[in-house]
C-alpha atoms as a PDB file:
ATOM      1  CA  MET A   1      -0.003   0.010   0.009  1.00  0.00           C
ATOM      2  CA  ALA A   2       1.376   3.462  -0.961  1.00  0.00           C
ATOM      3  CA  HIS A   3       2.152   6.003   1.716  1.00  0.00           C
ATOM      4  CA  ARG A   4      -0.381   8.902   1.680  1.00  0.00           C
ATOM      5  CA  VAL A   5       1.050  12.352   2.088  1.00  0.00           C
ATOM      6  CA  PRO A   6      -1.164  14.566   4.222  1.00  0.00           C
ATOM      7  CA  LYS A   7      -2.596  17.644   2.500  1.00  0.00           C
ATOM      8  CA  LYS A   8      -4.224  20.791   3.579  1.00  0.00           C
ATOM      9  CA  GLU A   9      -5.351  24.171   2.366  1.00  0.00           C
ATOM     10  CA  VAL A  10      -4.131  27.633   3.115  1.00  0.00           C
ATOM     11  CA  ILE A  11      -6.287  30.770   2.992  1.00  0.00           C
ATOM     12  CA  TRP A  12      -5.058  34.352   2.823  1.00  0.00           C
ATOM     13  CA  ASN A  13      -7.435  37.394   3.230  1.00  0.00           C
ATOM     14  CA  ILE A  14      -5.860  40.391   1.556  1.00  0.00           C
ATOM     15  CA  SER A  15      -7.807  43.582   0.965  1.00  0.00           C
ATOM     16  CA  ASP A  16     -11.085  41.769   1.573  1.00  0.00           C
ATOM     17  CA  ILE A  17     -10.321  39.124  -1.069  1.00  0.00           C
ATOM     18  CA  GLU A  18      -9.952  35.431  -0.095  1.00  0.00           C
ATOM     19  CA  TYR A  19      -7.115  33.589  -1.753  1.00  0.00           C
ATOM     20  CA  LYS A  20      -6.979  29.808  -1.323  1.00  0.00           C
ATOM     21  CA  VAL A  21      -4.562  27.020  -2.230  1.00  0.00           C
ATOM     22  CA  ARG A  22      -5.909  23.529  -1.810  1.00  0.00           C
ATOM     23  CA  ASN A  23      -4.103  20.180  -1.441  1.00  0.00           C
ATOM     24  CA  PHE A  24      -0.587  21.289  -0.656  1.00  0.00           C
ATOM     25  CA  PRO A  25       1.544  18.525   0.983  1.00  0.00           C
ATOM     26  CA  TYR A  26       3.161  18.716   4.386  1.00  0.00           C
ATOM     27  CA  SER A  27       4.845  16.399   6.860  1.00  0.00           C
ATOM     28  CA  VAL A  28       4.177  15.815  10.534  1.00  0.00           C
ATOM     29  CA  PHE A  29       6.933  14.982  13.030  1.00  0.00           C
ATOM     30  CA  ASN A  30       6.316  14.997  16.801  1.00  0.00           C
ATOM     31  CA  ASP A  31       2.945  16.720  16.213  1.00  0.00           C
ATOM     32  CA  GLU A  32       4.652  19.598  14.364  1.00  0.00           C
ATOM     33  CA  GLU A  33       3.878  20.483  10.715  1.00  0.00           C
ATOM     34  CA  PHE A  34       6.786  20.887   8.338  1.00  0.00           C
ATOM     35  CA  TYR A  35       6.774  22.157   4.726  1.00  0.00           C
ATOM     36  CA  ASP A  36       9.222  21.184   1.984  1.00  0.00           C
ATOM     37  CA  LEU A  37      11.240  24.191   0.730  1.00  0.00           C
ATOM     38  CA  ASP A  38       9.992  23.663  -2.856  1.00  0.00           C
ATOM     39  CA  VAL A  39       6.357  23.642  -1.673  1.00  0.00           C
ATOM     40  CA  THR A  40       6.924  26.828   0.421  1.00  0.00           C
ATOM     41  CA  LEU A  41       8.474  28.583  -2.536  1.00  0.00           C
ATOM     42  CA  LYS A  42       5.608  27.558  -4.847  1.00  0.00           C
ATOM     43  CA  LEU A  43       3.031  28.645  -2.289  1.00  0.00           C
ATOM     44  CA  SER A  44       4.683  32.058  -2.071  1.00  0.00           C
ATOM     45  CA  MET A  45       4.818  32.456  -5.811  1.00  0.00           C
ATOM     46  CA  ILE A  46       1.191  31.296  -6.217  1.00  0.00           C
ATOM     47  CA  LYS A  47       0.114  33.827  -3.618  1.00  0.00           C
ATOM     48  CA  ASP A  48       1.989  36.649  -5.268  1.00  0.00           C
ATOM     49  CA  LEU A  49       0.519  35.784  -8.698  1.00  0.00           C
ATOM     50  CA  MET A  50      -2.993  35.601  -7.253  1.00  0.00           C
ATOM     51  CA  VAL A  51      -2.661  39.025  -5.585  1.00  0.00           C
ATOM     52  CA  GLN A  52      -1.356  40.423  -8.916  1.00  0.00           C
ATOM     53  CA  GLU A  53      -4.430  38.876 -10.598  1.00  0.00           C
ATOM     54  CA  GLU A  54      -2.296  36.574 -12.715  1.00  0.00           C
ATOM     55  CA  ASN A  55      -3.875  33.484 -11.170  1.00  0.00           C
ATOM     56  CA  PRO A  56      -7.441  32.689 -10.077  1.00  0.00           C
ATOM     57  CA  THR A  57      -8.222  33.232  -6.357  1.00  0.00           C
ATOM     58  CA  THR A  58      -8.503  29.488  -5.724  1.00  0.00           C
ATOM     59  CA  ILE A  59      -5.908  26.995  -6.968  1.00  0.00           C
ATOM     60  CA  ASP A  60      -5.446  23.220  -6.522  1.00  0.00           C
ATOM     61  CA  PHE A  61      -1.776  22.705  -5.627  1.00  0.00           C
ATOM     62  CA  ASP A  62      -1.867  19.218  -7.234  1.00  0.00           C
ATOM     63  CA  LYS A  63      -2.315  20.916 -10.650  1.00  0.00           C
ATOM     64  CA  VAL A  64       0.812  23.109 -10.278  1.00  0.00           C
ATOM     65  CA  ALA A  65       3.047  20.851  -8.167  1.00  0.00           C
ATOM     66  CA  ASN A  66       5.145  19.766 -11.169  1.00  0.00           C
ATOM     67  CA  PHE A  67       6.036  23.296 -12.286  1.00  0.00           C
ATOM     68  CA  ASP A  68       9.743  24.067 -12.038  1.00  0.00           C
ATOM     69  CA  VAL A  69      10.884  26.770  -9.653  1.00  0.00           C
ATOM     70  CA  ASN A  70      14.136  28.235 -10.975  1.00  0.00           C
ATOM     71  CA  ILE A  71      15.738  30.918  -8.884  1.00  0.00           C
END
């Protein structure tokens, strides 16, 4: 049986607009949540693009998880 990665959603309320990213993965260790650096960078970029109106206000992380982040 494959190991299931826990997923959650994050919601930001900025200037009375709700921005939401669903299904982003995280890890739990000793009851603490941890986020992969790649996931964190993508969440930040997604949020910035949503606020700039380049992305919709709700995004499913599973659909953008394979996009490359080149810094």
